[in-house]
Amino acid sequence: MKLHSHDFVESYSELVGFGLDRETDESTVIYYLQKFSDDQLMKRLIPSLNHADLQVIFELINRLLKDHLSDTEYHRLFLKEDHP
């Protein structure tokens, strides 16, 4: 059983662009993140990033998770594990 999914990017057919309206902005960010996290792309991109690039990505994601998810949500939604 797979724990992760990227279904949005497979079915989204609307505008991919930023700055038009909130709904399009949100959809575009989801689209970009799902495209960005593709295994084949990561296999090519990650080795070419320097330490500072890796740190920026890690810190941004970590900050967003801490700022917008409760501890329970973090464990359930990001780590995909049960949390008391």
N, C-alpha and C. Protein backbone atom coordinates (compact mmCIF):
# COMPACT_ATOMS: atom_id res chain seq x y z
N MET A 1 0.83 -1.19 0.00
CA MET A 1 0.00 0.00 0.00
C MET A 1 0.88 1.25 0.00
N LYS A 2 0.63 2.14 -0.92
CA LYS A 2 1.37 3.40 -0.96
C LYS A 2 0.82 4.37 0.08
N LEU A 3 1.72 5.06 0.75
CA LEU A 3 1.31 6.05 1.74
C LEU A 3 1.18 7.44 1.13
N HIS A 4 1.87 7.69 0.04
CA HIS A 4 1.90 9.02 -0.56
C HIS A 4 1.16 9.03 -1.89
N SER A 5 0.61 10.17 -2.22
CA SER A 5 -0.09 10.30 -3.51
C SER A 5 0.25 11.65 -4.14
N HIS A 6 0.14 11.67 -5.43
CA HIS A 6 0.32 12.89 -6.21
C HIS A 6 -0.77 12.95 -7.28
N ASP A 7 -1.99 12.79 -6.85
CA ASP A 7 -3.11 12.70 -7.79
C ASP A 7 -3.46 14.04 -8.42
N PHE A 8 -3.30 15.12 -7.70
CA PHE A 8 -3.70 16.44 -8.20
C PHE A 8 -3.03 16.75 -9.53
N VAL A 9 -1.73 16.57 -9.60
CA VAL A 9 -0.97 16.91 -10.81
C VAL A 9 -1.39 16.04 -11.99
N GLU A 10 -1.90 14.85 -11.73
CA GLU A 10 -2.33 13.96 -12.80
C GLU A 10 -3.66 14.37 -13.41
N SER A 11 -4.47 15.09 -12.66
CA SER A 11 -5.81 15.42 -13.16
C SER A 11 -6.06 16.92 -13.36
N TYR A 12 -5.19 17.77 -12.86
CA TYR A 12 -5.40 19.21 -12.97
C TYR A 12 -5.21 19.67 -14.41
N SER A 13 -6.21 20.39 -14.93
CA SER A 13 -6.13 20.83 -16.32
C SER A 13 -6.40 22.33 -16.48
N GLU A 14 -6.43 23.03 -15.39
CA GLU A 14 -6.68 24.47 -15.43
C GLU A 14 -5.37 25.24 -15.60
N LEU A 15 -5.45 26.54 -15.51
CA LEU A 15 -4.29 27.41 -15.68
C LEU A 15 -3.22 27.13 -14.64
N VAL A 16 -1.98 27.04 -15.08
CA VAL A 16 -0.83 26.97 -14.19
C VAL A 16 -0.13 28.31 -14.33
N GLY A 17 -0.29 29.14 -13.32
CA GLY A 17 0.28 30.48 -13.32
C GLY A 17 0.07 31.12 -11.97
N PHE A 18 0.75 32.18 -11.72
CA PHE A 18 0.69 32.79 -10.39
C PHE A 18 0.35 34.26 -10.50
N GLY A 19 -0.53 34.74 -9.61
CA GLY A 19 -0.84 36.15 -9.54
C GLY A 19 -2.22 36.53 -10.05
N LEU A 20 -2.95 35.58 -10.62
CA LEU A 20 -4.28 35.88 -11.14
C LEU A 20 -5.32 35.97 -10.03
N ASP A 21 -5.39 34.94 -9.21
CA ASP A 21 -6.32 34.90 -8.08
C ASP A 21 -5.85 33.83 -7.10
N ARG A 22 -6.41 33.84 -5.91
CA ARG A 22 -5.96 32.93 -4.85
C ARG A 22 -6.15 31.46 -5.24
N GLU A 23 -7.28 31.12 -5.83
CA GLU A 23 -7.55 29.73 -6.20
C GLU A 23 -6.51 29.21 -7.21
N THR A 24 -6.21 30.00 -8.23
CA THR A 24 -5.21 29.60 -9.22
C THR A 24 -3.83 29.53 -8.59
N ASP A 25 -3.51 30.49 -7.71
CA ASP A 25 -2.22 30.47 -7.02
C ASP A 25 -2.06 29.18 -6.20
N GLU A 26 -3.10 28.82 -5.45
CA GLU A 26 -3.04 27.60 -4.63
C GLU A 26 -2.87 26.37 -5.51
N SER A 27 -3.64 26.28 -6.57
CA SER A 27 -3.55 25.14 -7.49
C SER A 27 -2.18 25.07 -8.14
N THR A 28 -1.63 26.22 -8.51
CA THR A 28 -0.32 26.26 -9.14
C THR A 28 0.76 25.79 -8.18
N VAL A 29 0.69 26.19 -6.92
CA VAL A 29 1.69 25.74 -5.93
C VAL A 29 1.59 24.23 -5.74
N ILE A 30 0.38 23.69 -5.63
CA ILE A 30 0.22 22.24 -5.51
C ILE A 30 0.82 21.55 -6.74
N TYR A 31 0.48 22.05 -7.91
CA TYR A 31 0.98 21.49 -9.17
C TYR A 31 2.51 21.50 -9.20
N TYR A 32 3.10 22.64 -8.90
CA TYR A 32 4.56 22.76 -8.91
C TYR A 32 5.22 21.83 -7.89
N LEU A 33 4.68 21.77 -6.67
CA LEU A 33 5.27 20.92 -5.64
C LEU A 33 5.20 19.45 -6.02
N GLN A 34 4.07 19.04 -6.60
CA GLN A 34 3.95 17.64 -6.99
C GLN A 34 4.86 17.33 -8.18
N LYS A 35 4.98 18.23 -9.12
CA LYS A 35 5.91 18.04 -10.23
C LYS A 35 7.35 18.04 -9.70
N PHE A 36 7.66 18.95 -8.79
CA PHE A 36 9.00 19.11 -8.25
C PHE A 36 9.46 17.85 -7.51
N SER A 37 8.54 17.20 -6.80
CA SER A 37 8.93 16.06 -5.97
C SER A 37 8.99 14.74 -6.74
N ASP A 38 8.79 14.78 -8.03
CA ASP A 38 8.87 13.58 -8.85
C ASP A 38 10.23 12.88 -8.64
N ASP A 39 10.20 11.58 -8.45
CA ASP A 39 11.43 10.82 -8.16
C ASP A 39 12.50 11.01 -9.23
N GLN A 40 12.11 10.97 -10.49
CA GLN A 40 13.08 11.10 -11.57
C GLN A 40 13.74 12.48 -11.57
N LEU A 41 12.94 13.52 -11.34
CA LEU A 41 13.49 14.87 -11.26
C LEU A 41 14.42 15.00 -10.06
N MET A 42 14.00 14.48 -8.92
CA MET A 42 14.82 14.58 -7.71
C MET A 42 16.15 13.86 -7.90
N LYS A 43 16.12 12.71 -8.56
CA LYS A 43 17.35 11.95 -8.80
C LYS A 43 18.34 12.78 -9.60
N ARG A 44 17.87 13.60 -10.52
CA ARG A 44 18.73 14.45 -11.34
C ARG A 44 19.12 15.73 -10.62
N LEU A 45 18.16 16.37 -9.94
CA LEU A 45 18.38 17.70 -9.37
C LEU A 45 19.18 17.70 -8.08
N ILE A 46 18.84 16.83 -7.15
CA ILE A 46 19.44 16.86 -5.81
C ILE A 46 20.97 16.79 -5.83
N PRO A 47 21.58 15.91 -6.60
CA PRO A 47 23.05 15.87 -6.60
C PRO A 47 23.71 17.17 -7.08
N SER A 48 22.99 17.97 -7.85
CA SER A 48 23.59 19.21 -8.37
C SER A 48 23.41 20.40 -7.42
N LEU A 49 22.61 20.24 -6.38
CA LEU A 49 22.41 21.33 -5.43
C LEU A 49 23.57 21.40 -4.44
N ASN A 50 23.96 22.61 -4.11
CA ASN A 50 25.01 22.75 -3.09
C ASN A 50 24.36 22.69 -1.70
N HIS A 51 25.20 22.70 -0.68
CA HIS A 51 24.69 22.59 0.69
C HIS A 51 23.73 23.72 1.04
N ALA A 52 24.02 24.93 0.61
CA ALA A 52 23.16 26.07 0.90
C ALA A 52 21.78 25.89 0.26
N ASP A 53 21.73 25.38 -0.98
CA ASP A 53 20.46 25.12 -1.64
C ASP A 53 19.64 24.09 -0.86
N LEU A 54 20.30 23.01 -0.46
CA LEU A 54 19.61 21.98 0.31
C LEU A 54 19.08 22.53 1.62
N GLN A 55 19.88 23.35 2.27
CA GLN A 55 19.48 23.93 3.55
C GLN A 55 18.29 24.85 3.39
N VAL A 56 18.27 25.67 2.35
CA VAL A 56 17.15 26.58 2.11
C VAL A 56 15.85 25.80 1.91
N ILE A 57 15.92 24.75 1.09
CA ILE A 57 14.73 23.93 0.84
C ILE A 57 14.25 23.28 2.13
N PHE A 58 15.18 22.66 2.86
CA PHE A 58 14.81 21.99 4.11
C PHE A 58 14.21 22.97 5.11
N GLU A 59 14.84 24.11 5.30
CA GLU A 59 14.36 25.08 6.29
C GLU A 59 13.01 25.67 5.90
N LEU A 60 12.79 25.94 4.62
CA LEU A 60 11.50 26.46 4.18
C LEU A 60 10.39 25.45 4.47
N ILE A 61 10.60 24.21 4.06
CA ILE A 61 9.58 23.19 4.28
C ILE A 61 9.34 22.98 5.77
N ASN A 62 10.41 22.90 6.53
CA ASN A 62 10.29 22.70 7.97
C ASN A 62 9.53 23.85 8.64
N ARG A 63 9.84 25.08 8.25
CA ARG A 63 9.15 26.24 8.83
C ARG A 63 7.67 26.22 8.49
N LEU A 64 7.33 25.93 7.25
CA LEU A 64 5.93 25.88 6.85
C LEU A 64 5.16 24.81 7.61
N LEU A 65 5.77 23.65 7.77
CA LEU A 65 5.12 22.58 8.52
C LEU A 65 4.91 22.99 9.97
N LYS A 66 5.92 23.55 10.60
CA LYS A 66 5.80 23.97 12.00
C LYS A 66 4.78 25.10 12.19
N ASP A 67 4.74 26.02 11.24
CA ASP A 67 3.86 27.18 11.36
C ASP A 67 2.39 26.86 11.08
N HIS A 68 2.13 25.81 10.31
CA HIS A 68 0.76 25.61 9.83
C HIS A 68 0.14 24.27 10.20
N LEU A 69 0.88 23.38 10.84
CA LEU A 69 0.33 22.10 11.26
C LEU A 69 0.52 21.92 12.76
N SER A 70 -0.49 21.32 13.38
CA SER A 70 -0.32 20.92 14.78
C SER A 70 0.62 19.72 14.81
N ASP A 71 1.07 19.37 16.00
CA ASP A 71 1.96 18.23 16.14
C ASP A 71 1.29 16.96 15.64
N THR A 72 0.02 16.79 15.95
CA THR A 72 -0.74 15.62 15.50
C THR A 72 -0.87 15.61 13.98
N GLU A 73 -1.16 16.75 13.40
CA GLU A 73 -1.27 16.84 11.93
C GLU A 73 0.07 16.55 11.26
N TYR A 74 1.13 17.06 11.84
CA TYR A 74 2.47 16.81 11.31
C TYR A 74 2.74 15.31 11.23
N HIS A 75 2.45 14.60 12.32
CA HIS A 75 2.71 13.15 12.35
C HIS A 75 1.77 12.40 11.41
N ARG A 76 0.51 12.78 11.39
CA ARG A 76 -0.47 12.07 10.59
C ARG A 76 -0.32 12.38 9.10
N LEU A 77 -0.18 13.66 8.75
CA LEU A 77 -0.20 14.07 7.34
C LEU A 77 1.18 14.06 6.68
N PHE A 78 2.21 14.46 7.40
CA PHE A 78 3.55 14.52 6.80
C PHE A 78 4.33 13.22 7.02
N LEU A 79 4.41 12.77 8.26
CA LEU A 79 5.16 11.56 8.55
C LEU A 79 4.37 10.29 8.24
N LYS A 80 3.06 10.41 8.09
CA LYS A 80 2.17 9.27 7.80
C LYS A 80 2.26 8.21 8.90
N GLU A 81 2.17 8.69 10.13
CA GLU A 81 2.21 7.77 11.26
C GLU A 81 1.18 8.20 12.29
N ASP A 82 0.76 7.24 13.09
CA ASP A 82 -0.16 7.55 14.18
C ASP A 82 0.60 8.32 15.25
N HIS A 83 -0.13 9.22 15.88
CA HIS A 83 0.48 10.01 16.95
C HIS A 83 -0.57 10.20 18.03
N PRO A 84 -0.18 9.89 19.26
CA PRO A 84 -1.18 10.00 20.35
C PRO A 84 -1.69 11.42 20.56
